[in-house]
Amino acid sequence: MTSTEDETLLYQVASLYYEQNRTQEQIGEELHFTRWKVGRLLAEARQAGIVRIEVRHPKARMRGLEEGLREVFGLRDAVVVAADRADDDERLRARVAEAGADYLARLHPAPRQLGVSWGRTLDLLAARLQPGWATGVHVVQINGGLSRSRTPTSAQDMAGRIAHLAQGTLSVLPVPSIVEQETTRRLLEQDSAVADVLTQAAAADTVLFSPGGIGADSVLVSSGYLTADDLASLAAAGAVGDVAGRFIDARGAIVDRPLDDRTLGLPLDHLRNSAVSVAVVSGTAKHAVCAAVVASGLCNTLVTDHLTASHLLNPHQCEEL
């Protein structure tokens, strides 16, 4: 065989083994080789540089991407964790949530008043915090989290866990995220209990949230606030996702003003003006909303995976790939 044919064979065997997860026996049967020859070809593929094996700690951070995000978007800080080829959306979300928990516990100075949104990613983050991650933190919800469906949200439990593990205190926002009329929202905001929590949320020195995608698996759909058709209409109007229940376009601007007028919680400008605003986000389905959040200044700290970070830094290159 020529050198080109040799390389083609090495690539074929390596692709079957490392990318398609075939066993050496299966590859041998398909190519009519012995198992021992397949093993030898795999070793040659590594020697030829066709295969590169990297052993990476599961919590390893990708410092080059972190530096790129800070420089390009002017972020206060960035945490980028490696996504494994075997990760599905849930495993990747758990990996990034754990990185978010580690980051929150290492913040210096530690938050004194922490504003939190809610959702699946923050549920996982709260579950990975350790007792004593901080001391005496006051946790306050920044948007309503009562469910309109028969399945309750975990918003209050999640916020309560974060506070409990920090030997802190908790203020919940005991209202829905979205109500049916703007007048209802205004009346609720005038209630002293609600107004007091919103005032506390606005005074938080650190805000923690996870932007939501525009897919039908949105927690705002499962919680009964919106339907899949509602999300499709929002997407058609330019929405790329939501931040604390408020739907934004690629520039970070509110998409549906009447819907936003029915949404209870901190206005987005409070996130832009917060001393520390931490977004925790993962997965290709959230690339667009993550880009909007970072580019529009809704967060100054980003915790994400390396595929999302690469997309933010080189969106056109990622699209071509």
C-alpha atoms as a PDB file:
ATOM      1  CA  MET A   1       0.000   0.000   0.000  1.00  0.00           C
ATOM      2  CA  THR A   2       1.065   3.597  -0.586  1.00  0.00           C
ATOM      3  CA  SER A   3       1.577   6.035   2.271  1.00  0.00           C
ATOM      4  CA  THR A   4      -1.796   7.642   1.468  1.00  0.00           C
ATOM      5  CA  GLU A   5      -3.510   4.258   1.592  1.00  0.00           C
ATOM      6  CA  ASP A   6      -1.818   3.525   4.917  1.00  0.00           C
ATOM      7  CA  GLU A   7      -3.082   6.793   6.400  1.00  0.00           C
ATOM      8  CA  THR A   8      -6.572   6.176   5.061  1.00  0.00           C
ATOM      9  CA  LEU A   9      -6.674   2.766   6.718  1.00  0.00           C
ATOM     10  CA  LEU A  10      -5.338   4.122   9.999  1.00  0.00           C
ATOM     11  CA  TYR A  11      -7.968   6.872   9.953  1.00  0.00           C
ATOM     12  CA  GLN A  12     -10.726   4.373   9.138  1.00  0.00           C
ATOM     13  CA  VAL A  13      -9.782   2.063  12.003  1.00  0.00           C
ATOM     14  CA  ALA A  14      -9.349   4.967  14.446  1.00  0.00           C
ATOM     15  CA  SER A  15     -12.703   6.465  13.462  1.00  0.00           C
ATOM     16  CA  LEU A  16     -14.504   3.156  13.943  1.00  0.00           C
ATOM     17  CA  TYR A  17     -12.909   2.660  17.348  1.00  0.00           C
ATOM     18  CA  TYR A  18     -12.881   6.132  18.877  1.00  0.00           C
ATOM     19  CA  GLU A  19     -15.819   7.879  17.189  1.00  0.00           C
ATOM     20  CA  GLN A  20     -18.223   5.010  16.495  1.00  0.00           C
ATOM     21  CA  ASN A  21     -17.372   3.059  19.662  1.00  0.00           C
ATOM     22  CA  ARG A  22     -16.808  -0.243  17.842  1.00  0.00           C
ATOM     23  CA  THR A  23     -14.811  -2.926  19.624  1.00  0.00           C
ATOM     24  CA  GLN A  24     -11.569  -4.206  18.164  1.00  0.00           C
ATOM     25  CA  GLU A  25     -13.272  -7.535  17.468  1.00  0.00           C
ATOM     26  CA  GLN A  26     -16.102  -5.823  15.546  1.00  0.00           C
ATOM     27  CA  ILE A  27     -13.631  -3.792  13.491  1.00  0.00           C
ATOM     28  CA  GLY A  28     -11.627  -6.915  12.708  1.00  0.00           C
ATOM     29  CA  GLU A  29     -14.715  -8.750  11.500  1.00  0.00           C
ATOM     30  CA  GLU A  30     -15.751  -5.803   9.305  1.00  0.00           C
ATOM     31  CA  LEU A  31     -12.323  -5.301   7.732  1.00  0.00           C
ATOM     32  CA  HIS A  32     -11.282  -8.964   7.786  1.00  0.00           C
ATOM     33  CA  PHE A  33      -8.378  -8.344  10.160  1.00  0.00           C
ATOM     34  CA  THR A  34      -7.397 -10.124  13.350  1.00  0.00           C
ATOM     35  CA  ARG A  35      -8.057  -8.350  16.643  1.00  0.00           C
ATOM     36  CA  TRP A  36      -4.293  -8.080  17.119  1.00  0.00           C
ATOM     37  CA  LYS A  37      -3.827  -6.294  13.795  1.00  0.00           C
ATOM     38  CA  VAL A  38      -6.579  -3.813  14.718  1.00  0.00           C
ATOM     39  CA  GLY A  39      -4.742  -3.095  17.967  1.00  0.00           C
ATOM     40  CA  ARG A  40      -1.497  -2.559  16.071  1.00  0.00           C
ATOM     41  CA  LEU A  41      -3.199  -0.192  13.604  1.00  0.00           C
ATOM     42  CA  LEU A  42      -4.659   1.825  16.480  1.00  0.00           C
ATOM     43  CA  ALA A  43      -1.191   2.143  18.000  1.00  0.00           C
ATOM     44  CA  GLU A  44       0.200   3.265  14.629  1.00  0.00           C
ATOM     45  CA  ALA A  45      -2.607   5.838  14.339  1.00  0.00           C
ATOM     46  CA  ARG A  46      -1.472   7.366  17.643  1.00  0.00           C
ATOM     47  CA  GLN A  47       2.176   7.375  16.540  1.00  0.00           C
ATOM     48  CA  ALA A  48       1.212   9.049  13.249  1.00  0.00           C
ATOM     49  CA  GLY A  49      -0.669  11.813  15.065  1.00  0.00           C
ATOM     50  CA  ILE A  50      -4.043  10.755  13.637  1.00  0.00           C
ATOM     51  CA  VAL A  51      -5.237  10.014  17.167  1.00  0.00           C
ATOM     52  CA  ARG A  52      -4.466  12.205  20.152  1.00  0.00           C
ATOM     53  CA  ILE A  53      -5.484  10.991  23.574  1.00  0.00           C
ATOM     54  CA  GLU A  54      -5.871  13.552  26.321  1.00  0.00           C
ATOM     55  CA  VAL A  55      -6.497  12.660  29.955  1.00  0.00           C
ATOM     56  CA  ARG A  56      -8.490  15.468  31.504  1.00  0.00           C
ATOM     57  CA  HIS A  57      -9.778  15.874  35.038  1.00  0.00           C
ATOM     58  CA  PRO A  58     -13.598  16.086  34.989  1.00  0.00           C
ATOM     59  CA  LYS A  59     -13.418  19.519  36.627  1.00  0.00           C
ATOM     60  CA  ALA A  60     -10.651  20.747  34.345  1.00  0.00           C
ATOM     61  CA  ARG A  61     -11.065  24.312  33.127  1.00  0.00           C
ATOM     62  CA  MET A  62     -10.079  25.583  29.703  1.00  0.00           C
ATOM     63  CA  ARG A  63      -8.090  28.687  30.542  1.00  0.00           C
ATOM     64  CA  GLY A  64      -7.494  29.818  26.974  1.00  0.00           C
ATOM     65  CA  LEU A  65     -11.215  30.030  26.243  1.00  0.00           C
ATOM     66  CA  GLU A  66     -11.830  31.734  29.575  1.00  0.00           C
ATOM     67  CA  GLU A  67      -9.260  34.400  28.750  1.00  0.00           C
ATOM     68  CA  GLY A  68     -10.772  34.833  25.284  1.00  0.00           C
ATOM     69  CA  LEU A  69     -14.260  35.384  26.730  1.00  0.00           C
ATOM     70  CA  ARG A  70     -12.975  37.947  29.216  1.00  0.00           C
ATOM     71  CA  GLU A  71     -11.092  39.861  26.541  1.00  0.00           C
ATOM     72  CA  VAL A  72     -13.702  39.789  23.773  1.00  0.00           C
ATOM     73  CA  PHE A  73     -16.784  40.480  25.895  1.00  0.00           C
ATOM     74  CA  GLY A  74     -15.225  42.431  28.741  1.00  0.00           C
ATOM     75  CA  LEU A  75     -16.382  39.906  31.320  1.00  0.00           C
ATOM     76  CA  ARG A  76     -15.419  40.179  34.946  1.00  0.00           C
ATOM     77  CA  ASP A  77     -14.744  36.430  34.966  1.00  0.00           C
ATOM     78  CA  ALA A  78     -15.397  33.243  33.011  1.00  0.00           C
ATOM     79  CA  VAL A  79     -15.373  29.532  33.818  1.00  0.00           C
ATOM     80  CA  VAL A  80     -15.232  27.076  30.914  1.00  0.00           C
ATOM     81  CA  VAL A  81     -15.373  23.334  31.509  1.00  0.00           C
ATOM     82  CA  ALA A  82     -14.635  20.630  28.970  1.00  0.00           C
ATOM     83  CA  ALA A  83     -17.575  18.846  27.393  1.00  0.00           C
ATOM     84  CA  ASP A  84     -17.011  15.135  26.942  1.00  0.00           C
ATOM     85  CA  ARG A  85     -17.989  13.485  23.664  1.00  0.00           C
ATOM     86  CA  ALA A  86     -20.196  11.077  25.626  1.00  0.00           C
ATOM     87  CA  ASP A  87     -22.100  13.871  27.394  1.00  0.00           C
ATOM     88  CA  ASP A  88     -25.764  14.236  26.551  1.00  0.00           C
ATOM     89  CA  ASP A  89     -27.610  17.459  27.416  1.00  0.00           C
ATOM     90  CA  GLU A  90     -28.362  16.352  30.968  1.00  0.00           C
ATOM     91  CA  ARG A  91     -24.823  15.244  31.765  1.00  0.00           C
ATOM     92  CA  LEU A  92     -23.422  18.438  30.296  1.00  0.00           C
ATOM     93  CA  ARG A  93     -25.880  20.522  32.312  1.00  0.00           C
ATOM     94  CA  ALA A  94     -24.802  18.679  35.466  1.00  0.00           C
ATOM     95  CA  ARG A  95     -21.115  19.233  34.659  1.00  0.00           C
ATOM     96  CA  VAL A  96     -21.603  22.988  34.165  1.00  0.00           C
ATOM     97  CA  ALA A  97     -23.876  23.256  37.212  1.00  0.00           C
ATOM     98  CA  GLU A  98     -21.164  21.672  39.346  1.00  0.00           C
ATOM     99  CA  ALA A  99     -18.674  24.200  37.993  1.00  0.00           C
ATOM    100  CA  GLY A 100     -21.158  26.933  38.903  1.00  0.00           C
ATOM    101  CA  ALA A 101     -21.434  25.593  42.445  1.00  0.00           C
ATOM    102  CA  ASP A 102     -17.634  25.485  42.770  1.00  0.00           C
ATOM    103  CA  TYR A 103     -17.361  29.032  41.467  1.00  0.00           C
ATOM    104  CA  LEU A 104     -20.044  30.371  43.823  1.00  0.00           C
ATOM    105  CA  ALA A 105     -18.297  28.774  46.784  1.00  0.00           C
ATOM    106  CA  ARG A 106     -14.969  30.364  45.780  1.00  0.00           C
ATOM    107  CA  LEU A 107     -16.271  33.877  45.198  1.00  0.00           C
ATOM    108  CA  HIS A 108     -14.286  36.433  47.154  1.00  0.00           C
ATOM    109  CA  PRO A 109     -15.706  38.290  48.830  1.00  0.00           C
ATOM    110  CA  ALA A 110     -18.542  35.849  49.369  1.00  0.00           C
ATOM    111  CA  PRO A 111     -22.024  37.139  48.519  1.00  0.00           C
ATOM    112  CA  ARG A 112     -23.830  38.839  51.363  1.00  0.00           C
ATOM    113  CA  GLN A 113     -27.134  39.174  49.536  1.00  0.00           C
ATOM    114  CA  LEU A 114     -27.598  36.717  46.674  1.00  0.00           C
ATOM    115  CA  GLY A 115     -30.399  37.124  44.139  1.00  0.00           C
ATOM    116  CA  VAL A 116     -31.400  33.876  42.418  1.00  0.00           C
ATOM    117  CA  SER A 117     -33.680  32.904  39.567  1.00  0.00           C
ATOM    118  CA  TRP A 118     -34.802  29.287  39.119  1.00  0.00           C
ATOM    119  CA  GLY A 119     -34.792  26.373  36.687  1.00  0.00           C
ATOM    120  CA  ARG A 120     -33.229  22.966  36.058  1.00  0.00           C
ATOM    121  CA  THR A 121     -29.625  24.179  35.930  1.00  0.00           C
ATOM    122  CA  LEU A 122     -29.867  26.058  39.208  1.00  0.00           C
ATOM    123  CA  ASP A 123     -31.563  23.042  40.817  1.00  0.00           C
ATOM    124  CA  LEU A 124     -28.479  21.011  39.929  1.00  0.00           C
ATOM    125  CA  LEU A 125     -26.168  23.775  41.109  1.00  0.00           C
ATOM    126  CA  ALA A 126     -27.887  23.949  44.500  1.00  0.00           C
ATOM    127  CA  ALA A 127     -27.685  20.164  44.840  1.00  0.00           C
ATOM    128  CA  ARG A 128     -23.908  20.320  44.373  1.00  0.00           C
ATOM    129  CA  LEU A 129     -23.191  23.028  46.923  1.00  0.00           C
ATOM    130  CA  GLN A 130     -21.512  21.810  50.085  1.00  0.00           C
ATOM    131  CA  PRO A 131     -22.506  22.761  53.648  1.00  0.00           C
ATOM    132  CA  GLY A 132     -20.615  25.871  54.655  1.00  0.00           C
ATOM    133  CA  TRP A 133     -20.014  27.058  51.080  1.00  0.00           C
ATOM    134  CA  ALA A 134     -20.443  30.508  52.658  1.00  0.00           C
ATOM    135  CA  THR A 135     -21.690  31.882  55.967  1.00  0.00           C
ATOM    136  CA  GLY A 136     -24.694  34.087  56.657  1.00  0.00           C
ATOM    137  CA  VAL A 137     -25.773  34.698  53.069  1.00  0.00           C
ATOM    138  CA  HIS A 138     -29.227  36.183  52.560  1.00  0.00           C
ATOM    139  CA  VAL A 139     -30.810  34.570  49.499  1.00  0.00           C
ATOM    140  CA  VAL A 140     -33.653  36.327  47.706  1.00  0.00           C
ATOM    141  CA  GLN A 141     -35.667  35.287  44.670  1.00  0.00           C
ATOM    142  CA  ILE A 142     -35.495  37.717  41.741  1.00  0.00           C
ATOM    143  CA  ASN A 143     -38.573  36.462  39.858  1.00  0.00           C
ATOM    144  CA  GLY A 144     -41.803  34.670  40.653  1.00  0.00           C
ATOM    145  CA  GLY A 145     -41.736  30.905  40.700  1.00  0.00           C
ATOM    146  CA  LEU A 146     -45.171  29.617  41.692  1.00  0.00           C
ATOM    147  CA  SER A 147     -46.375  27.006  39.198  1.00  0.00           C
ATOM    148  CA  ARG A 148     -49.594  27.283  37.214  1.00  0.00           C
ATOM    149  CA  SER A 149     -49.554  23.557  36.441  1.00  0.00           C
ATOM    150  CA  ARG A 150     -50.199  20.590  38.717  1.00  0.00           C
ATOM    151  CA  THR A 151     -46.461  20.059  38.938  1.00  0.00           C
ATOM    152  CA  PRO A 152     -44.943  22.567  41.381  1.00  0.00           C
ATOM    153  CA  THR A 153     -41.692  24.301  40.530  1.00  0.00           C
ATOM    154  CA  SER A 154     -38.663  23.782  42.725  1.00  0.00           C
ATOM    155  CA  ALA A 155     -37.924  27.520  42.887  1.00  0.00           C
ATOM    156  CA  GLN A 156     -38.413  27.948  46.628  1.00  0.00           C
ATOM    157  CA  ASP A 157     -36.764  24.628  47.521  1.00  0.00           C
ATOM    158  CA  MET A 158     -33.726  25.510  45.416  1.00  0.00           C
ATOM    159  CA  ALA A 159     -33.343  28.972  46.958  1.00  0.00           C
ATOM    160  CA  GLY A 160     -33.920  27.531  50.422  1.00  0.00           C
ATOM    161  CA  ARG A 161     -31.202  24.915  49.948  1.00  0.00           C
ATOM    162  CA  ILE A 162     -28.664  27.539  48.871  1.00  0.00           C
ATOM    163  CA  ALA A 163     -29.476  29.608  51.968  1.00  0.00           C
ATOM    164  CA  HIS A 164     -29.534  26.629  54.346  1.00  0.00           C
ATOM    165  CA  LEU A 165     -26.125  25.369  53.222  1.00  0.00           C
ATOM    166  CA  ALA A 166     -24.705  28.832  53.905  1.00  0.00           C
ATOM    167  CA  GLN A 167     -26.350  29.085  57.328  1.00  0.00           C
ATOM    168  CA  GLY A 168     -28.189  32.033  55.870  1.00  0.00           C
ATOM    169  CA  THR A 169     -31.661  33.474  55.502  1.00  0.00           C
ATOM    170  CA  LEU A 170     -34.218  33.438  52.713  1.00  0.00           C
ATOM    171  CA  SER A 171     -36.770  35.772  51.151  1.00  0.00           C
ATOM    172  CA  VAL A 172     -39.084  34.119  48.622  1.00  0.00           C
ATOM    173  CA  LEU A 173     -41.207  35.882  46.027  1.00  0.00           C
ATOM    174  CA  PRO A 174     -44.594  34.186  46.561  1.00  0.00           C
ATOM    175  CA  VAL A 175     -46.080  35.052  43.169  1.00  0.00           C
ATOM    176  CA  PRO A 176     -46.277  33.516  39.678  1.00  0.00           C
ATOM    177  CA  SER A 177     -43.622  34.327  37.114  1.00  0.00           C
ATOM    178  CA  ILE A 178     -46.254  35.472  34.599  1.00  0.00           C
ATOM    179  CA  VAL A 179     -49.822  36.605  35.330  1.00  0.00           C
ATOM    180  CA  GLU A 180     -52.772  37.052  32.973  1.00  0.00           C
ATOM    181  CA  GLN A 181     -53.139  40.836  33.167  1.00  0.00           C
ATOM    182  CA  GLU A 182     -50.731  43.735  33.527  1.00  0.00           C
ATOM    183  CA  THR A 183     -53.041  45.233  36.141  1.00  0.00           C
ATOM    184  CA  THR A 184     -52.671  42.049  38.211  1.00  0.00           C
ATOM    185  CA  ARG A 185     -48.888  42.407  38.117  1.00  0.00           C
ATOM    186  CA  ARG A 186     -49.117  46.026  39.207  1.00  0.00           C
ATOM    187  CA  LEU A 187     -51.441  45.151  42.107  1.00  0.00           C
ATOM    188  CA  LEU A 188     -49.165  42.346  43.270  1.00  0.00           C
ATOM    189  CA  GLU A 189     -46.124  44.621  43.146  1.00  0.00           C
ATOM    190  CA  GLN A 190     -47.958  47.106  45.353  1.00  0.00           C
ATOM    191  CA  ASP A 191     -48.443  44.448  48.039  1.00  0.00           C
ATOM    192  CA  SER A 192     -45.974  45.245  50.819  1.00  0.00           C
ATOM    193  CA  ALA A 193     -44.671  41.673  51.089  1.00  0.00           C
ATOM    194  CA  VAL A 194     -43.960  41.452  47.354  1.00  0.00           C
ATOM    195  CA  ALA A 195     -42.564  44.981  47.163  1.00  0.00           C
ATOM    196  CA  ASP A 196     -40.201  44.261  50.056  1.00  0.00           C
ATOM    197  CA  VAL A 197     -38.759  41.156  48.371  1.00  0.00           C
ATOM    198  CA  LEU A 198     -38.290  43.004  45.067  1.00  0.00           C
ATOM    199  CA  THR A 199     -36.483  45.787  46.928  1.00  0.00           C
ATOM    200  CA  GLN A 200     -34.173  43.216  48.515  1.00  0.00           C
ATOM    201  CA  ALA A 201     -33.584  41.579  45.137  1.00  0.00           C
ATOM    202  CA  ALA A 202     -32.644  44.924  43.602  1.00  0.00           C
ATOM    203  CA  ALA A 203     -30.088  45.433  46.394  1.00  0.00           C
ATOM    204  CA  ALA A 204     -28.379  42.043  45.916  1.00  0.00           C
ATOM    205  CA  ASP A 205     -24.608  42.322  45.494  1.00  0.00           C
ATOM    206  CA  THR A 206     -24.556  39.070  43.484  1.00  0.00           C
ATOM    207  CA  VAL A 207     -27.153  37.688  41.063  1.00  0.00           C
ATOM    208  CA  LEU A 208     -27.228  34.071  39.880  1.00  0.00           C
ATOM    209  CA  PHE A 209     -29.342  32.908  36.923  1.00  0.00           C
ATOM    210  CA  SER A 210     -29.486  30.458  34.061  1.00  0.00           C
ATOM    211  CA  PRO A 211     -30.961  31.716  30.768  1.00  0.00           C
ATOM    212  CA  GLY A 212     -33.635  29.517  29.218  1.00  0.00           C
ATOM    213  CA  GLY A 213     -33.828  28.383  25.621  1.00  0.00           C
ATOM    214  CA  ILE A 214     -36.701  28.884  23.228  1.00  0.00           C
ATOM    215  CA  GLY A 215     -37.508  25.160  22.859  1.00  0.00           C
ATOM    216  CA  ALA A 216     -40.689  23.424  23.974  1.00  0.00           C
ATOM    217  CA  ASP A 217     -38.790  21.915  26.946  1.00  0.00           C
ATOM    218  CA  SER A 218     -38.661  25.351  28.593  1.00  0.00           C
ATOM    219  CA  VAL A 219     -39.515  25.296  32.297  1.00  0.00           C
ATOM    220  CA  LEU A 220     -42.001  28.078  31.579  1.00  0.00           C
ATOM    221  CA  VAL A 221     -43.949  25.552  29.491  1.00  0.00           C
ATOM    222  CA  SER A 222     -43.724  22.707  32.004  1.00  0.00           C
ATOM    223  CA  SER A 223     -44.782  25.123  34.762  1.00  0.00           C
ATOM    224  CA  GLY A 224     -47.909  26.096  32.858  1.00  0.00           C
ATOM    225  CA  TYR A 225     -47.072  29.715  32.115  1.00  0.00           C
ATOM    226  CA  LEU A 226     -46.749  29.324  28.361  1.00  0.00           C
ATOM    227  CA  THR A 227     -47.535  26.756  25.678  1.00  0.00           C
ATOM    228  CA  ALA A 228     -45.281  25.359  22.982  1.00  0.00           C
ATOM    229  CA  ASP A 229     -47.247  27.479  20.493  1.00  0.00           C
ATOM    230  CA  ASP A 230     -46.518  30.576  22.580  1.00  0.00           C
ATOM    231  CA  LEU A 231     -42.814  29.839  22.359  1.00  0.00           C
ATOM    232  CA  ALA A 232     -43.046  29.266  18.614  1.00  0.00           C
ATOM    233  CA  SER A 233     -44.680  32.691  18.246  1.00  0.00           C
ATOM    234  CA  LEU A 234     -41.997  34.288  20.397  1.00  0.00           C
ATOM    235  CA  ALA A 235     -39.284  32.639  18.302  1.00  0.00           C
ATOM    236  CA  ALA A 236     -40.930  33.920  15.123  1.00  0.00           C
ATOM    237  CA  ALA A 237     -40.859  37.414  16.640  1.00  0.00           C
ATOM    238  CA  GLY A 238     -37.110  37.136  17.193  1.00  0.00           C
ATOM    239  CA  ALA A 239     -36.839  35.699  20.714  1.00  0.00           C
ATOM    240  CA  VAL A 240     -33.769  33.563  21.398  1.00  0.00           C
ATOM    241  CA  GLY A 241     -34.670  32.647  24.983  1.00  0.00           C
ATOM    242  CA  ASP A 242     -35.522  34.084  28.377  1.00  0.00           C
ATOM    243  CA  VAL A 243     -33.697  35.535  31.342  1.00  0.00           C
ATOM    244  CA  ALA A 244     -35.616  35.256  34.602  1.00  0.00           C
ATOM    245  CA  GLY A 245     -38.827  34.802  32.608  1.00  0.00           C
ATOM    246  CA  ARG A 246     -38.260  37.776  30.294  1.00  0.00           C
ATOM    247  CA  PHE A 247     -37.852  36.933  26.598  1.00  0.00           C
ATOM    248  CA  ILE A 248     -35.057  38.656  24.722  1.00  0.00           C
ATOM    249  CA  ASP A 249     -33.804  38.875  21.147  1.00  0.00           C
ATOM    250  CA  ALA A 250     -30.233  38.527  19.917  1.00  0.00           C
ATOM    251  CA  ARG A 251     -29.463  42.087  21.089  1.00  0.00           C
ATOM    252  CA  GLY A 252     -30.743  41.426  24.594  1.00  0.00           C
ATOM    253  CA  ALA A 253     -33.872  43.545  24.063  1.00  0.00           C
ATOM    254  CA  ILE A 254     -37.347  42.556  25.241  1.00  0.00           C
ATOM    255  CA  VAL A 255     -39.264  40.876  22.420  1.00  0.00           C
ATOM    256  CA  ASP A 256     -42.917  40.893  23.517  1.00  0.00           C
ATOM    257  CA  ARG A 257     -43.645  44.003  25.569  1.00  0.00           C
ATOM    258  CA  PRO A 258     -47.228  43.038  26.552  1.00  0.00           C
ATOM    259  CA  LEU A 259     -45.939  39.663  27.832  1.00  0.00           C
ATOM    260  CA  ASP A 260     -43.121  41.367  29.681  1.00  0.00           C
ATOM    261  CA  ASP A 261     -45.641  43.717  31.301  1.00  0.00           C
ATOM    262  CA  ARG A 262     -47.269  40.604  32.784  1.00  0.00           C
ATOM    263  CA  THR A 263     -43.975  39.218  34.121  1.00  0.00           C
ATOM    264  CA  LEU A 264     -43.128  39.536  37.809  1.00  0.00           C
ATOM    265  CA  GLY A 265     -39.564  40.045  38.892  1.00  0.00           C
ATOM    266  CA  LEU A 266     -36.524  42.269  38.577  1.00  0.00           C
ATOM    267  CA  PRO A 267     -36.225  44.258  35.334  1.00  0.00           C
ATOM    268  CA  LEU A 268     -33.236  43.144  33.285  1.00  0.00           C
ATOM    269  CA  ASP A 269     -31.345  46.390  33.815  1.00  0.00           C
ATOM    270  CA  HIS A 270     -30.782  45.310  37.424  1.00  0.00           C
ATOM    271  CA  LEU A 271     -28.797  42.339  36.130  1.00  0.00           C
ATOM    272  CA  ARG A 272     -26.736  44.630  33.905  1.00  0.00           C
ATOM    273  CA  ASN A 273     -25.983  46.916  36.826  1.00  0.00           C
ATOM    274  CA  SER A 274     -25.249  44.219  39.409  1.00  0.00           C
ATOM    275  CA  ALA A 275     -21.729  44.132  40.823  1.00  0.00           C
ATOM    276  CA  VAL A 276     -21.573  40.386  40.134  1.00  0.00           C
ATOM    277  CA  SER A 277     -24.060  38.861  37.674  1.00  0.00           C
ATOM    278  CA  VAL A 278     -23.402  35.158  37.071  1.00  0.00           C
ATOM    279  CA  ALA A 279     -24.974  33.255  34.165  1.00  0.00           C
ATOM    280  CA  VAL A 280     -24.707  29.462  34.217  1.00  0.00           C
ATOM    281  CA  VAL A 281     -25.542  27.939  30.829  1.00  0.00           C
ATOM    282  CA  SER A 282     -24.759  24.869  28.744  1.00  0.00           C
ATOM    283  CA  GLY A 283     -25.703  23.083  25.533  1.00  0.00           C
ATOM    284  CA  THR A 284     -26.152  23.917  21.869  1.00  0.00           C
ATOM    285  CA  ALA A 285     -29.855  24.720  22.337  1.00  0.00           C
ATOM    286  CA  LYS A 286     -28.811  27.725  24.434  1.00  0.00           C
ATOM    287  CA  HIS A 287     -26.024  29.056  22.221  1.00  0.00           C
ATOM    288  CA  ALA A 288     -28.186  31.879  20.871  1.00  0.00           C
ATOM    289  CA  VAL A 289     -29.552  33.058  24.215  1.00  0.00           C
ATOM    290  CA  CYS A 290     -26.093  32.767  25.800  1.00  0.00           C
ATOM    291  CA  ALA A 291     -24.640  34.954  23.049  1.00  0.00           C
ATOM    292  CA  ALA A 292     -27.389  37.525  23.643  1.00  0.00           C
ATOM    293  CA  VAL A 293     -26.822  37.520  27.407  1.00  0.00           C
ATOM    294  CA  VAL A 294     -23.069  37.993  27.116  1.00  0.00           C
ATOM    295  CA  ALA A 295     -23.109  40.532  24.289  1.00  0.00           C
ATOM    296  CA  SER A 296     -25.781  42.709  25.921  1.00  0.00           C
ATOM    297  CA  GLY A 297     -24.132  42.796  29.345  1.00  0.00           C
ATOM    298  CA  LEU A 298     -26.807  40.856  31.208  1.00  0.00           C
ATOM    299  CA  CYS A 299     -24.028  38.963  32.927  1.00  0.00           C
ATOM    300  CA  ASN A 300     -20.461  39.913  33.766  1.00  0.00           C
ATOM    301  CA  THR A 301     -19.513  36.370  34.763  1.00  0.00           C
ATOM    302  CA  LEU A 302     -20.168  33.286  32.631  1.00  0.00           C
ATOM    303  CA  VAL A 303     -19.988  29.611  33.594  1.00  0.00           C
ATOM    304  CA  THR A 304     -20.342  27.362  30.554  1.00  0.00           C
ATOM    305  CA  ASP A 305     -18.969  24.460  28.500  1.00  0.00           C
ATOM    306  CA  HIS A 306     -16.184  24.704  25.931  1.00  0.00           C
ATOM    307  CA  LEU A 307     -18.477  24.147  22.942  1.00  0.00           C
ATOM    308  CA  THR A 308     -20.636  27.097  23.966  1.00  0.00           C
ATOM    309  CA  ALA A 309     -17.539  29.212  24.651  1.00  0.00           C
ATOM    310  CA  SER A 310     -16.122  28.325  21.231  1.00  0.00           C
ATOM    311  CA  HIS A 311     -19.408  29.282  19.596  1.00  0.00           C
ATOM    312  CA  LEU A 312     -19.389  32.658  21.339  1.00  0.00           C
ATOM    313  CA  LEU A 313     -15.845  33.384  20.168  1.00  0.00           C
ATOM    314  CA  ASN A 314     -16.145  31.942  16.642  1.00  0.00           C
ATOM    315  CA  PRO A 315     -19.860  31.632  15.723  1.00  0.00           C
ATOM    316  CA  HIS A 316     -19.334  31.457  11.964  1.00  0.00           C
ATOM    317  CA  GLN A 317     -16.595  28.836  12.249  1.00  0.00           C
ATOM    318  CA  CYS A 318     -18.816  26.709  14.509  1.00  0.00           C
ATOM    319  CA  GLU A 319     -21.688  26.968  12.039  1.00  0.00           C
ATOM    320  CA  GLU A 320     -19.430  25.747   9.226  1.00  0.00           C
ATOM    321  CA  LEU A 321     -18.339  22.797  11.335  1.00  0.00           C
END
